[in-house]
Amino acid sequence: MKSKTKSEEVLTKLFGSVSRARILELLMANAGRTFYQREIMFEAGISLQPAQRELANLLDLGILKKRETPGRVYYEINTLSPFFESLCKICELAQKKN
């Protein structure tokens, strides 16, 4: 299992979910890049069910965009989301907390 960074700790306390914090941290740090679900699971160090649950939550909020191809589902941060700028600032502050 992946060990917690200070920024992840801050994001977890703020958002209430380790999985959500890890996914947000990964996708915000790589804005403009798409990841498929298993890649997110691997990079974030989380299992299938928490990944699916949090990806669905973030999609419902419009924070993520989803693109499906045969055999793969891709996700990326939605830079047009009304939450994007605020999330950028929150992630920056969490990084500074280190």
N, C-alpha and C. Protein backbone atom coordinates (compact mmCIF):
# COMPACT_ATOMS: atom_id res chain seq x y z
N MET A 1 0.84 -1.18 0.00
CA MET A 1 0.00 0.00 0.00
C MET A 1 0.89 1.24 0.00
N LYS A 2 0.43 2.24 -0.70
CA LYS A 2 1.16 3.50 -0.82
C LYS A 2 1.16 4.25 0.52
N SER A 3 2.29 4.84 0.88
CA SER A 3 2.34 5.61 2.12
C SER A 3 1.82 7.02 1.89
N LYS A 4 1.28 7.60 2.93
CA LYS A 4 0.68 8.93 2.82
C LYS A 4 1.73 10.03 2.76
N THR A 5 1.49 10.99 1.85
CA THR A 5 2.30 12.20 1.83
C THR A 5 1.60 13.22 2.71
N LYS A 6 2.31 14.29 3.06
CA LYS A 6 1.68 15.34 3.87
C LYS A 6 0.49 15.96 3.13
N SER A 7 0.64 16.20 1.82
CA SER A 7 -0.46 16.81 1.07
C SER A 7 -1.66 15.87 1.03
N GLU A 8 -1.40 14.57 0.89
CA GLU A 8 -2.49 13.60 0.89
C GLU A 8 -3.20 13.59 2.25
N GLU A 9 -2.43 13.71 3.32
CA GLU A 9 -3.00 13.75 4.66
C GLU A 9 -3.95 14.95 4.80
N VAL A 10 -3.50 16.10 4.31
CA VAL A 10 -4.33 17.30 4.37
C VAL A 10 -5.59 17.11 3.54
N LEU A 11 -5.44 16.59 2.31
CA LEU A 11 -6.59 16.39 1.44
C LEU A 11 -7.55 15.35 2.01
N THR A 12 -7.02 14.31 2.65
CA THR A 12 -7.86 13.29 3.26
C THR A 12 -8.70 13.90 4.39
N LYS A 13 -8.06 14.71 5.21
CA LYS A 13 -8.80 15.36 6.30
C LYS A 13 -9.86 16.30 5.74
N LEU A 14 -9.53 16.98 4.66
CA LEU A 14 -10.45 17.93 4.06
C LEU A 14 -11.62 17.25 3.37
N PHE A 15 -11.33 16.20 2.60
CA PHE A 15 -12.37 15.55 1.79
C PHE A 15 -12.94 14.28 2.40
N GLY A 16 -12.32 13.76 3.47
CA GLY A 16 -12.88 12.63 4.19
C GLY A 16 -12.67 11.26 3.57
N SER A 17 -11.82 11.15 2.56
CA SER A 17 -11.60 9.86 1.92
C SER A 17 -10.17 9.78 1.40
N VAL A 18 -9.46 8.75 1.81
CA VAL A 18 -8.10 8.54 1.32
C VAL A 18 -8.13 8.31 -0.18
N SER A 19 -9.05 7.49 -0.65
CA SER A 19 -9.13 7.19 -2.08
C SER A 19 -9.41 8.44 -2.89
N ARG A 20 -10.35 9.26 -2.45
CA ARG A 20 -10.68 10.50 -3.16
C ARG A 20 -9.49 11.44 -3.17
N ALA A 21 -8.81 11.55 -2.04
CA ALA A 21 -7.64 12.42 -1.95
C ALA A 21 -6.54 11.97 -2.91
N ARG A 22 -6.29 10.67 -2.96
CA ARG A 22 -5.25 10.15 -3.84
C ARG A 22 -5.59 10.36 -5.32
N ILE A 23 -6.85 10.12 -5.67
CA ILE A 23 -7.28 10.31 -7.06
C ILE A 23 -7.18 11.78 -7.44
N LEU A 24 -7.68 12.66 -6.58
CA LEU A 24 -7.60 14.10 -6.87
C LEU A 24 -6.16 14.57 -6.99
N GLU A 25 -5.32 14.13 -6.07
CA GLU A 25 -3.92 14.53 -6.09
C GLU A 25 -3.26 14.09 -7.40
N LEU A 26 -3.51 12.86 -7.82
CA LEU A 26 -2.95 12.33 -9.06
C LEU A 26 -3.44 13.10 -10.28
N LEU A 27 -4.74 13.27 -10.39
CA LEU A 27 -5.31 13.90 -11.58
C LEU A 27 -5.06 15.40 -11.63
N MET A 28 -5.05 16.05 -10.48
CA MET A 28 -4.77 17.49 -10.47
C MET A 28 -3.30 17.75 -10.83
N ALA A 29 -2.42 16.89 -10.39
CA ALA A 29 -1.00 17.04 -10.71
C ALA A 29 -0.71 16.77 -12.18
N ASN A 30 -1.64 16.11 -12.85
CA ASN A 30 -1.47 15.74 -14.25
C ASN A 30 -2.63 16.26 -15.11
N ALA A 31 -3.08 17.47 -14.81
CA ALA A 31 -4.20 18.07 -15.56
C ALA A 31 -3.87 18.06 -17.05
N GLY A 32 -4.84 17.65 -17.85
CA GLY A 32 -4.64 17.56 -19.29
C GLY A 32 -4.25 16.17 -19.76
N ARG A 33 -3.94 15.30 -18.84
CA ARG A 33 -3.58 13.91 -19.18
C ARG A 33 -4.72 12.98 -18.82
N THR A 34 -4.96 12.00 -19.68
CA THR A 34 -6.00 11.01 -19.38
C THR A 34 -5.34 9.77 -18.77
N PHE A 35 -6.09 9.12 -17.88
CA PHE A 35 -5.66 7.89 -17.23
C PHE A 35 -6.77 6.87 -17.37
N TYR A 36 -6.43 5.62 -17.61
CA TYR A 36 -7.47 4.60 -17.58
C TYR A 36 -7.60 4.10 -16.14
N GLN A 37 -8.74 3.47 -15.86
CA GLN A 37 -9.09 3.13 -14.48
C GLN A 37 -8.01 2.33 -13.76
N ARG A 38 -7.47 1.32 -14.38
CA ARG A 38 -6.44 0.50 -13.71
C ARG A 38 -5.16 1.29 -13.46
N GLU A 39 -4.86 2.22 -14.35
CA GLU A 39 -3.70 3.08 -14.16
C GLU A 39 -3.89 3.97 -12.93
N ILE A 40 -5.11 4.50 -12.77
CA ILE A 40 -5.44 5.31 -11.59
C ILE A 40 -5.30 4.46 -10.34
N MET A 41 -5.82 3.25 -10.37
CA MET A 41 -5.72 2.35 -9.23
C MET A 41 -4.26 2.10 -8.87
N PHE A 42 -3.43 1.81 -9.86
CA PHE A 42 -2.03 1.52 -9.63
C PHE A 42 -1.29 2.75 -9.10
N GLU A 43 -1.45 3.87 -9.78
CA GLU A 43 -0.74 5.09 -9.39
C GLU A 43 -1.17 5.62 -8.02
N ALA A 44 -2.47 5.48 -7.72
CA ALA A 44 -2.99 5.97 -6.45
C ALA A 44 -2.86 4.94 -5.33
N GLY A 45 -2.56 3.69 -5.67
CA GLY A 45 -2.40 2.65 -4.66
C GLY A 45 -3.69 2.27 -3.97
N ILE A 46 -4.77 2.20 -4.76
CA ILE A 46 -6.07 1.83 -4.19
C ILE A 46 -6.67 0.66 -4.97
N SER A 47 -7.62 -0.03 -4.36
CA SER A 47 -8.23 -1.18 -5.01
C SER A 47 -9.43 -0.77 -5.87
N LEU A 48 -10.00 -1.76 -6.55
CA LEU A 48 -11.03 -1.52 -7.55
C LEU A 48 -12.28 -0.82 -7.02
N GLN A 49 -12.89 -1.35 -5.98
CA GLN A 49 -14.15 -0.78 -5.50
C GLN A 49 -14.02 0.66 -5.01
N PRO A 50 -13.02 1.00 -4.19
CA PRO A 50 -12.87 2.40 -3.80
C PRO A 50 -12.60 3.31 -5.00
N ALA A 51 -11.82 2.82 -5.95
CA ALA A 51 -11.54 3.62 -7.15
C ALA A 51 -12.82 3.88 -7.93
N GLN A 52 -13.60 2.84 -8.17
CA GLN A 52 -14.85 3.00 -8.90
C GLN A 52 -15.81 3.94 -8.18
N ARG A 53 -15.93 3.79 -6.87
CA ARG A 53 -16.84 4.63 -6.09
C ARG A 53 -16.43 6.09 -6.18
N GLU A 54 -15.15 6.37 -5.96
CA GLU A 54 -14.70 7.77 -5.96
C GLU A 54 -14.68 8.37 -7.36
N LEU A 55 -14.36 7.59 -8.36
CA LEU A 55 -14.43 8.10 -9.73
C LEU A 55 -15.86 8.47 -10.08
N ALA A 56 -16.81 7.63 -9.67
CA ALA A 56 -18.23 7.93 -9.92
C ALA A 56 -18.66 9.20 -9.18
N ASN A 57 -18.22 9.35 -7.92
CA ASN A 57 -18.55 10.56 -7.15
C ASN A 57 -17.99 11.81 -7.83
N LEU A 58 -16.74 11.75 -8.27
CA LEU A 58 -16.10 12.91 -8.90
C LEU A 58 -16.71 13.21 -10.26
N LEU A 59 -17.16 12.17 -10.96
CA LEU A 59 -17.87 12.37 -12.24
C LEU A 59 -19.20 13.06 -12.00
N ASP A 60 -19.94 12.58 -10.99
CA ASP A 60 -21.25 13.18 -10.67
C ASP A 60 -21.13 14.66 -10.34
N LEU A 61 -20.03 15.04 -9.72
CA LEU A 61 -19.80 16.45 -9.36
C LEU A 61 -19.28 17.28 -10.54
N GLY A 62 -18.96 16.60 -11.64
CA GLY A 62 -18.43 17.31 -12.81
C GLY A 62 -16.96 17.64 -12.70
N ILE A 63 -16.28 17.06 -11.71
CA ILE A 63 -14.86 17.33 -11.50
C ILE A 63 -13.99 16.55 -12.49
N LEU A 64 -14.52 15.39 -12.92
CA LEU A 64 -13.81 14.57 -13.90
C LEU A 64 -14.60 14.48 -15.20
N LYS A 65 -13.87 14.16 -16.26
CA LYS A 65 -14.47 13.81 -17.54
C LYS A 65 -14.14 12.35 -17.80
N LYS A 66 -15.03 11.68 -18.52
CA LYS A 66 -14.88 10.25 -18.79
C LYS A 66 -15.00 10.03 -20.30
N ARG A 67 -14.13 9.18 -20.83
CA ARG A 67 -14.20 8.81 -22.24
C ARG A 67 -14.04 7.29 -22.32
N GLU A 68 -14.96 6.65 -23.03
CA GLU A 68 -14.94 5.19 -23.13
C GLU A 68 -14.51 4.76 -24.52
N THR A 69 -13.67 3.74 -24.55
CA THR A 69 -13.26 3.08 -25.78
C THR A 69 -13.50 1.59 -25.55
N PRO A 70 -13.49 0.79 -26.60
CA PRO A 70 -13.66 -0.65 -26.37
C PRO A 70 -12.58 -1.19 -25.44
N GLY A 71 -12.99 -1.69 -24.30
CA GLY A 71 -12.07 -2.30 -23.35
C GLY A 71 -11.46 -1.37 -22.32
N ARG A 72 -11.59 -0.07 -22.47
CA ARG A 72 -11.00 0.86 -21.50
C ARG A 72 -11.89 2.07 -21.28
N VAL A 73 -11.81 2.58 -20.05
CA VAL A 73 -12.49 3.82 -19.69
C VAL A 73 -11.41 4.78 -19.23
N TYR A 74 -11.39 5.96 -19.81
CA TYR A 74 -10.38 6.97 -19.49
C TYR A 74 -11.00 8.10 -18.69
N TYR A 75 -10.21 8.63 -17.76
CA TYR A 75 -10.65 9.74 -16.92
C TYR A 75 -9.60 10.85 -16.97
N GLU A 76 -10.06 12.07 -16.83
CA GLU A 76 -9.17 13.20 -16.67
C GLU A 76 -9.89 14.28 -15.89
N ILE A 77 -9.10 15.17 -15.32
CA ILE A 77 -9.68 16.28 -14.56
C ILE A 77 -10.40 17.19 -15.55
N ASN A 78 -11.54 17.69 -15.16
CA ASN A 78 -12.32 18.59 -16.02
C ASN A 78 -11.90 20.02 -15.71
N THR A 79 -11.06 20.56 -16.57
CA THR A 79 -10.55 21.92 -16.35
C THR A 79 -11.63 22.98 -16.54
N LEU A 80 -12.79 22.60 -17.09
CA LEU A 80 -13.90 23.54 -17.25
C LEU A 80 -14.89 23.48 -16.10
N SER A 81 -14.63 22.58 -15.15
CA SER A 81 -15.50 22.45 -13.98
C SER A 81 -15.43 23.72 -13.15
N PRO A 82 -16.55 24.15 -12.57
CA PRO A 82 -16.52 25.32 -11.69
C PRO A 82 -15.67 25.09 -10.43
N PHE A 83 -15.35 23.83 -10.13
CA PHE A 83 -14.53 23.49 -8.97
C PHE A 83 -13.03 23.50 -9.28
N PHE A 84 -12.66 23.51 -10.55
CA PHE A 84 -11.26 23.31 -10.94
C PHE A 84 -10.31 24.31 -10.30
N GLU A 85 -10.58 25.59 -10.42
CA GLU A 85 -9.66 26.60 -9.88
C GLU A 85 -9.53 26.48 -8.36
N SER A 86 -10.64 26.25 -7.69
CA SER A 86 -10.60 26.09 -6.23
C SER A 86 -9.81 24.85 -5.84
N LEU A 87 -10.01 23.75 -6.56
CA LEU A 87 -9.26 22.53 -6.27
C LEU A 87 -7.77 22.72 -6.51
N CYS A 88 -7.42 23.48 -7.55
CA CYS A 88 -6.00 23.79 -7.80
C CYS A 88 -5.40 24.50 -6.60
N LYS A 89 -6.11 25.49 -6.09
CA LYS A 89 -5.62 26.25 -4.94
C LYS A 89 -5.51 25.37 -3.70
N ILE A 90 -6.50 24.52 -3.48
CA ILE A 90 -6.48 23.62 -2.33
C ILE A 90 -5.29 22.66 -2.42
N CYS A 91 -5.06 22.10 -3.61
CA CYS A 91 -3.93 21.18 -3.78
C CYS A 91 -2.60 21.90 -3.60
N GLU A 92 -2.50 23.12 -4.08
CA GLU A 92 -1.28 23.92 -3.89
C GLU A 92 -1.03 24.18 -2.41
N LEU A 93 -2.09 24.55 -1.69
CA LEU A 93 -1.95 24.79 -0.25
C LEU A 93 -1.56 23.51 0.48
N ALA A 94 -2.13 22.39 0.08
CA ALA A 94 -1.79 21.11 0.70
C ALA A 94 -0.32 20.78 0.47
N GLN A 95 0.20 21.08 -0.73
CA GLN A 95 1.61 20.85 -1.03
C GLN A 95 2.50 21.73 -0.16
N LYS A 96 2.09 22.98 0.05
CA LYS A 96 2.87 23.92 0.85
C LYS A 96 2.89 23.50 2.32
N LYS A 97 1.88 22.77 2.74
CA LYS A 97 1.78 22.33 4.13
C LYS A 97 2.92 21.37 4.49
N ASN A 98 3.55 20.78 3.47
CA ASN A 98 4.68 19.84 3.69
C ASN A 98 5.70 20.52 4.47
